[in-house]
Amino acid sequence: MRYFPTHSLNPMRSSLFIGGLLALFLIAPRSLPAQSNEQAVEAAKEAAQEWFVLLDADKYEATWEEAATLLKSKVTAEQWAAQVRRAHAALDSLRARSLVAARYTTNMPRAPEGEYVTAQYRATYGEKDAVETVSLKKDDGTWRVAGYYVKPGGQ
């Protein structure tokens, strides 16, 4: 039989201890629940659409300004604009673009850990078909383009 003394804890001291624990739980920083994959994909697709508006208006430097820190750390605005301009030189004006697939992941090859969505679009530029792939990274709570690749159809 165990003996638990009832007089060893002062009731005032006990309530302060419990109150202190309660305050700790109330003010301790809590991590927010991660965005569900479906919500993340939808938010990233919206960000990609906004980014495409700049791309389709030939505002290549602006696409760099709106890009993820990861992309900006790898290439200057001028280099980026030149690369995108070169890739689009063989294409006519955009006639149509539709989403083929979008996938959420927390790791990408040769990229730091984080939240990513890769979206692939089928596009028609003039009479030519192309596949556009956009990688987005969650940067300080905002989805931003971290990579863009356009492949003309038949290549």
C-alpha atoms as a PDB file:
ATOM      1  CA  MET A   1       0.000   0.000   0.000  1.00  0.00           C
ATOM      2  CA  ARG A   2       1.308   3.426  -0.926  1.00  0.00           C
ATOM      3  CA  TYR A   3       0.857   6.446   1.165  1.00  0.00           C
ATOM      4  CA  PHE A   4       0.215   9.803  -0.537  1.00  0.00           C
ATOM      5  CA  PRO A   5       0.432  12.575   1.979  1.00  0.00           C
ATOM      6  CA  THR A   6      -2.320  15.129   1.492  1.00  0.00           C
ATOM      7  CA  HIS A   7      -0.625  17.821   3.519  1.00  0.00           C
ATOM      8  CA  SER A   8       2.673  18.006   1.570  1.00  0.00           C
ATOM      9  CA  LEU A   9       1.370  20.309  -1.171  1.00  0.00           C
ATOM     10  CA  ASN A  10       0.199  23.750  -0.304  1.00  0.00           C
ATOM     11  CA  PRO A  11      -3.159  24.343  -2.125  1.00  0.00           C
ATOM     12  CA  MET A  12      -2.027  27.838  -3.157  1.00  0.00           C
ATOM     13  CA  ARG A  13       1.271  26.543  -4.512  1.00  0.00           C
ATOM     14  CA  SER A  14      -0.538  23.735  -6.359  1.00  0.00           C
ATOM     15  CA  SER A  15      -2.961  26.130  -8.084  1.00  0.00           C
ATOM     16  CA  LEU A  16      -0.044  28.401  -9.093  1.00  0.00           C
ATOM     17  CA  PHE A  17       1.745  25.445 -10.614  1.00  0.00           C
ATOM     18  CA  ILE A  18      -1.340  24.365 -12.586  1.00  0.00           C
ATOM     19  CA  GLY A  19      -2.015  27.984 -13.573  1.00  0.00           C
ATOM     20  CA  GLY A  20       1.590  28.299 -14.715  1.00  0.00           C
ATOM     21  CA  LEU A  21       1.289  25.161 -16.846  1.00  0.00           C
ATOM     22  CA  LEU A  22      -1.975  26.396 -18.338  1.00  0.00           C
ATOM     23  CA  ALA A  23      -0.374  29.743 -19.229  1.00  0.00           C
ATOM     24  CA  LEU A  24       2.569  27.921 -20.795  1.00  0.00           C
ATOM     25  CA  PHE A  25       0.219  25.971 -23.067  1.00  0.00           C
ATOM     26  CA  LEU A  26      -1.731  29.093 -23.997  1.00  0.00           C
ATOM     27  CA  ILE A  27       1.266  31.275 -24.873  1.00  0.00           C
ATOM     28  CA  ALA A  28       3.718  28.668 -26.138  1.00  0.00           C
ATOM     29  CA  PRO A  29       4.190  28.969 -29.886  1.00  0.00           C
ATOM     30  CA  ARG A  30       2.306  26.291 -31.749  1.00  0.00           C
ATOM     31  CA  SER A  31       3.051  25.246 -35.258  1.00  0.00           C
ATOM     32  CA  LEU A  32       0.197  25.840 -37.618  1.00  0.00           C
ATOM     33  CA  PRO A  33      -1.129  22.789 -39.384  1.00  0.00           C
ATOM     34  CA  ALA A  34       0.455  22.288 -42.794  1.00  0.00           C
ATOM     35  CA  GLN A  35      -1.649  23.228 -45.757  1.00  0.00           C
ATOM     36  CA  SER A  36      -3.303  20.140 -47.209  1.00  0.00           C
ATOM     37  CA  ASN A  37      -1.915  18.921 -50.500  1.00  0.00           C
ATOM     38  CA  GLU A  38      -5.126  19.829 -52.324  1.00  0.00           C
ATOM     39  CA  GLN A  39      -5.146  23.359 -50.899  1.00  0.00           C
ATOM     40  CA  ALA A  40      -1.452  23.754 -51.686  1.00  0.00           C
ATOM     41  CA  VAL A  41      -1.941  22.636 -55.279  1.00  0.00           C
ATOM     42  CA  GLU A  42      -4.883  25.008 -55.767  1.00  0.00           C
ATOM     43  CA  ALA A  43      -2.982  27.974 -54.300  1.00  0.00           C
ATOM     44  CA  ALA A  44       0.089  27.170 -56.400  1.00  0.00           C
ATOM     45  CA  LYS A  45      -2.007  26.878 -59.582  1.00  0.00           C
ATOM     46  CA  GLU A  46      -3.469  30.336 -58.890  1.00  0.00           C
ATOM     47  CA  ALA A  47       0.029  31.742 -58.403  1.00  0.00           C
ATOM     48  CA  ALA A  48       1.150  30.123 -61.662  1.00  0.00           C
ATOM     49  CA  GLN A  49      -1.777  31.706 -63.518  1.00  0.00           C
ATOM     50  CA  GLU A  50      -0.840  35.156 -62.188  1.00  0.00           C
ATOM     51  CA  TRP A  51       2.778  34.559 -63.212  1.00  0.00           C
ATOM     52  CA  PHE A  52       1.708  33.424 -66.691  1.00  0.00           C
ATOM     53  CA  VAL A  53      -0.056  36.777 -67.185  1.00  0.00           C
ATOM     54  CA  LEU A  54       3.348  38.476 -66.927  1.00  0.00           C
ATOM     55  CA  LEU A  55       5.030  35.864 -69.125  1.00  0.00           C
ATOM     56  CA  ASP A  56       2.363  36.112 -71.814  1.00  0.00           C
ATOM     57  CA  ALA A  57       2.754  39.905 -71.852  1.00  0.00           C
ATOM     58  CA  ASP A  58       6.514  39.432 -72.517  1.00  0.00           C
ATOM     59  CA  LYS A  59       7.322  40.993 -69.122  1.00  0.00           C
ATOM     60  CA  TYR A  60      10.214  38.635 -68.508  1.00  0.00           C
ATOM     61  CA  GLU A  61      12.004  40.810 -65.945  1.00  0.00           C
ATOM     62  CA  ALA A  62       8.727  41.059 -63.998  1.00  0.00           C
ATOM     63  CA  THR A  63       8.445  37.260 -63.980  1.00  0.00           C
ATOM     64  CA  TRP A  64      11.857  37.198 -62.292  1.00  0.00           C
ATOM     65  CA  GLU A  65      10.735  39.844 -59.760  1.00  0.00           C
ATOM     66  CA  GLU A  66       7.756  37.671 -58.819  1.00  0.00           C
ATOM     67  CA  ALA A  67       9.817  34.465 -58.702  1.00  0.00           C
ATOM     68  CA  ALA A  68      10.911  32.447 -55.692  1.00  0.00           C
ATOM     69  CA  THR A  69      14.084  33.335 -53.841  1.00  0.00           C
ATOM     70  CA  LEU A  70      15.529  30.017 -55.016  1.00  0.00           C
ATOM     71  CA  LEU A  71      15.289  31.054 -58.683  1.00  0.00           C
ATOM     72  CA  LYS A  72      16.604  34.552 -57.968  1.00  0.00           C
ATOM     73  CA  SER A  73      19.637  33.092 -56.198  1.00  0.00           C
ATOM     74  CA  LYS A  74      20.590  31.093 -59.299  1.00  0.00           C
ATOM     75  CA  VAL A  75      20.195  33.673 -62.078  1.00  0.00           C
ATOM     76  CA  THR A  76      20.025  37.455 -62.470  1.00  0.00           C
ATOM     77  CA  ALA A  77      16.960  39.211 -63.879  1.00  0.00           C
ATOM     78  CA  GLU A  78      18.842  39.949 -67.095  1.00  0.00           C
ATOM     79  CA  GLN A  79      20.009  36.338 -67.508  1.00  0.00           C
ATOM     80  CA  TRP A  80      16.515  35.049 -66.800  1.00  0.00           C
ATOM     81  CA  ALA A  81      14.892  37.429 -69.286  1.00  0.00           C
ATOM     82  CA  ALA A  82      17.405  36.447 -71.977  1.00  0.00           C
ATOM     83  CA  GLN A  83      16.809  32.723 -71.395  1.00  0.00           C
ATOM     84  CA  VAL A  84      13.023  33.022 -71.482  1.00  0.00           C
ATOM     85  CA  ARG A  85      13.130  35.348 -74.497  1.00  0.00           C
ATOM     86  CA  ARG A  86      15.322  32.807 -76.328  1.00  0.00           C
ATOM     87  CA  ALA A  87      12.984  29.930 -75.412  1.00  0.00           C
ATOM     88  CA  HIS A  88       9.943  31.865 -76.628  1.00  0.00           C
ATOM     89  CA  ALA A  89      11.613  33.175 -79.817  1.00  0.00           C
ATOM     90  CA  ALA A  90      10.676  29.995 -81.677  1.00  0.00           C
ATOM     91  CA  LEU A  91       7.068  30.273 -80.544  1.00  0.00           C
ATOM     92  CA  ASP A  92       4.256  32.376 -81.968  1.00  0.00           C
ATOM     93  CA  SER A  93       1.696  34.114 -79.753  1.00  0.00           C
ATOM     94  CA  LEU A  94      -0.162  32.016 -77.200  1.00  0.00           C
ATOM     95  CA  ARG A  95      -3.533  30.694 -78.364  1.00  0.00           C
ATOM     96  CA  ALA A  96      -4.386  28.296 -75.529  1.00  0.00           C
ATOM     97  CA  ARG A  97      -3.017  26.806 -72.316  1.00  0.00           C
ATOM     98  CA  SER A  98      -4.556  24.071 -70.207  1.00  0.00           C
ATOM     99  CA  LEU A  99      -3.410  22.264 -67.100  1.00  0.00           C
ATOM    100  CA  VAL A 100      -2.453  18.641 -67.619  1.00  0.00           C
ATOM    101  CA  ALA A 101      -1.307  17.746 -64.093  1.00  0.00           C
ATOM    102  CA  ALA A 102      -0.137  19.295 -60.836  1.00  0.00           C
ATOM    103  CA  ARG A 103       1.691  17.498 -58.040  1.00  0.00           C
ATOM    104  CA  TYR A 104       2.674  18.490 -54.492  1.00  0.00           C
ATOM    105  CA  THR A 105       5.952  17.373 -52.933  1.00  0.00           C
ATOM    106  CA  THR A 106       8.265  18.365 -50.106  1.00  0.00           C
ATOM    107  CA  ASN A 107      11.486  17.614 -51.932  1.00  0.00           C
ATOM    108  CA  MET A 108      12.769  18.308 -55.386  1.00  0.00           C
ATOM    109  CA  PRO A 109      15.984  17.087 -57.023  1.00  0.00           C
ATOM    110  CA  ARG A 110      18.864  19.523 -56.495  1.00  0.00           C
ATOM    111  CA  ALA A 111      16.691  21.874 -54.421  1.00  0.00           C
ATOM    112  CA  PRO A 112      16.418  22.558 -50.688  1.00  0.00           C
ATOM    113  CA  GLU A 113      13.661  20.934 -48.681  1.00  0.00           C
ATOM    114  CA  GLY A 114      10.398  22.820 -48.700  1.00  0.00           C
ATOM    115  CA  GLU A 115       6.924  22.750 -50.163  1.00  0.00           C
ATOM    116  CA  TYR A 116       6.756  22.474 -53.958  1.00  0.00           C
ATOM    117  CA  VAL A 117       4.123  22.053 -56.622  1.00  0.00           C
ATOM    118  CA  THR A 118       5.043  21.066 -60.154  1.00  0.00           C
ATOM    119  CA  ALA A 119       2.397  21.914 -62.740  1.00  0.00           C
ATOM    120  CA  GLN A 120       2.450  20.848 -66.357  1.00  0.00           C
ATOM    121  CA  TYR A 121       0.444  22.618 -69.055  1.00  0.00           C
ATOM    122  CA  ARG A 122      -0.335  21.853 -72.668  1.00  0.00           C
ATOM    123  CA  ALA A 123      -0.042  25.060 -74.677  1.00  0.00           C
ATOM    124  CA  THR A 124      -0.616  26.113 -78.255  1.00  0.00           C
ATOM    125  CA  TYR A 125       1.533  28.907 -79.633  1.00  0.00           C
ATOM    126  CA  GLY A 126       0.298  29.832 -83.093  1.00  0.00           C
ATOM    127  CA  GLU A 127       0.122  26.479 -84.857  1.00  0.00           C
ATOM    128  CA  LYS A 128       2.714  24.806 -82.609  1.00  0.00           C
ATOM    129  CA  ASP A 129       1.999  22.718 -79.547  1.00  0.00           C
ATOM    130  CA  ALA A 130       4.224  22.925 -76.494  1.00  0.00           C
ATOM    131  CA  VAL A 131       4.476  21.553 -72.981  1.00  0.00           C
ATOM    132  CA  GLU A 132       5.173  24.071 -70.224  1.00  0.00           C
ATOM    133  CA  THR A 133       6.348  22.916 -66.816  1.00  0.00           C
ATOM    134  CA  VAL A 134       6.303  25.300 -63.883  1.00  0.00           C
ATOM    135  CA  SER A 135       7.787  24.480 -60.484  1.00  0.00           C
ATOM    136  CA  LEU A 136       6.510  26.568 -57.604  1.00  0.00           C
ATOM    137  CA  LYS A 137       7.982  26.831 -54.125  1.00  0.00           C
ATOM    138  CA  LYS A 138       6.307  28.149 -51.020  1.00  0.00           C
ATOM    139  CA  ASP A 139       8.382  31.208 -50.084  1.00  0.00           C
ATOM    140  CA  ASP A 140       7.477  32.885 -46.780  1.00  0.00           C
ATOM    141  CA  GLY A 141       3.908  31.629 -47.061  1.00  0.00           C
ATOM    142  CA  THR A 142       3.496  32.637 -50.716  1.00  0.00           C
ATOM    143  CA  TRP A 143       3.654  30.328 -53.714  1.00  0.00           C
ATOM    144  CA  ARG A 144       6.224  31.591 -56.221  1.00  0.00           C
ATOM    145  CA  VAL A 145       7.662  30.204 -59.439  1.00  0.00           C
ATOM    146  CA  ALA A 146      11.032  28.538 -58.857  1.00  0.00           C
ATOM    147  CA  GLY A 147      11.471  27.138 -62.353  1.00  0.00           C
ATOM    148  CA  TYR A 148       9.977  27.239 -65.834  1.00  0.00           C
ATOM    149  CA  TYR A 149      10.623  24.992 -68.807  1.00  0.00           C
ATOM    150  CA  VAL A 150       8.945  25.091 -72.219  1.00  0.00           C
ATOM    151  CA  LYS A 151       9.343  22.244 -74.678  1.00  0.00           C
ATOM    152  CA  PRO A 152       7.924  22.697 -78.178  1.00  0.00           C
ATOM    153  CA  GLY A 153       5.821  19.711 -79.270  1.00  0.00           C
ATOM    154  CA  GLY A 154       7.499  16.987 -81.288  1.00  0.00           C
ATOM    155  CA  GLN A 155      10.875  17.479 -79.601  1.00  0.00           C
END
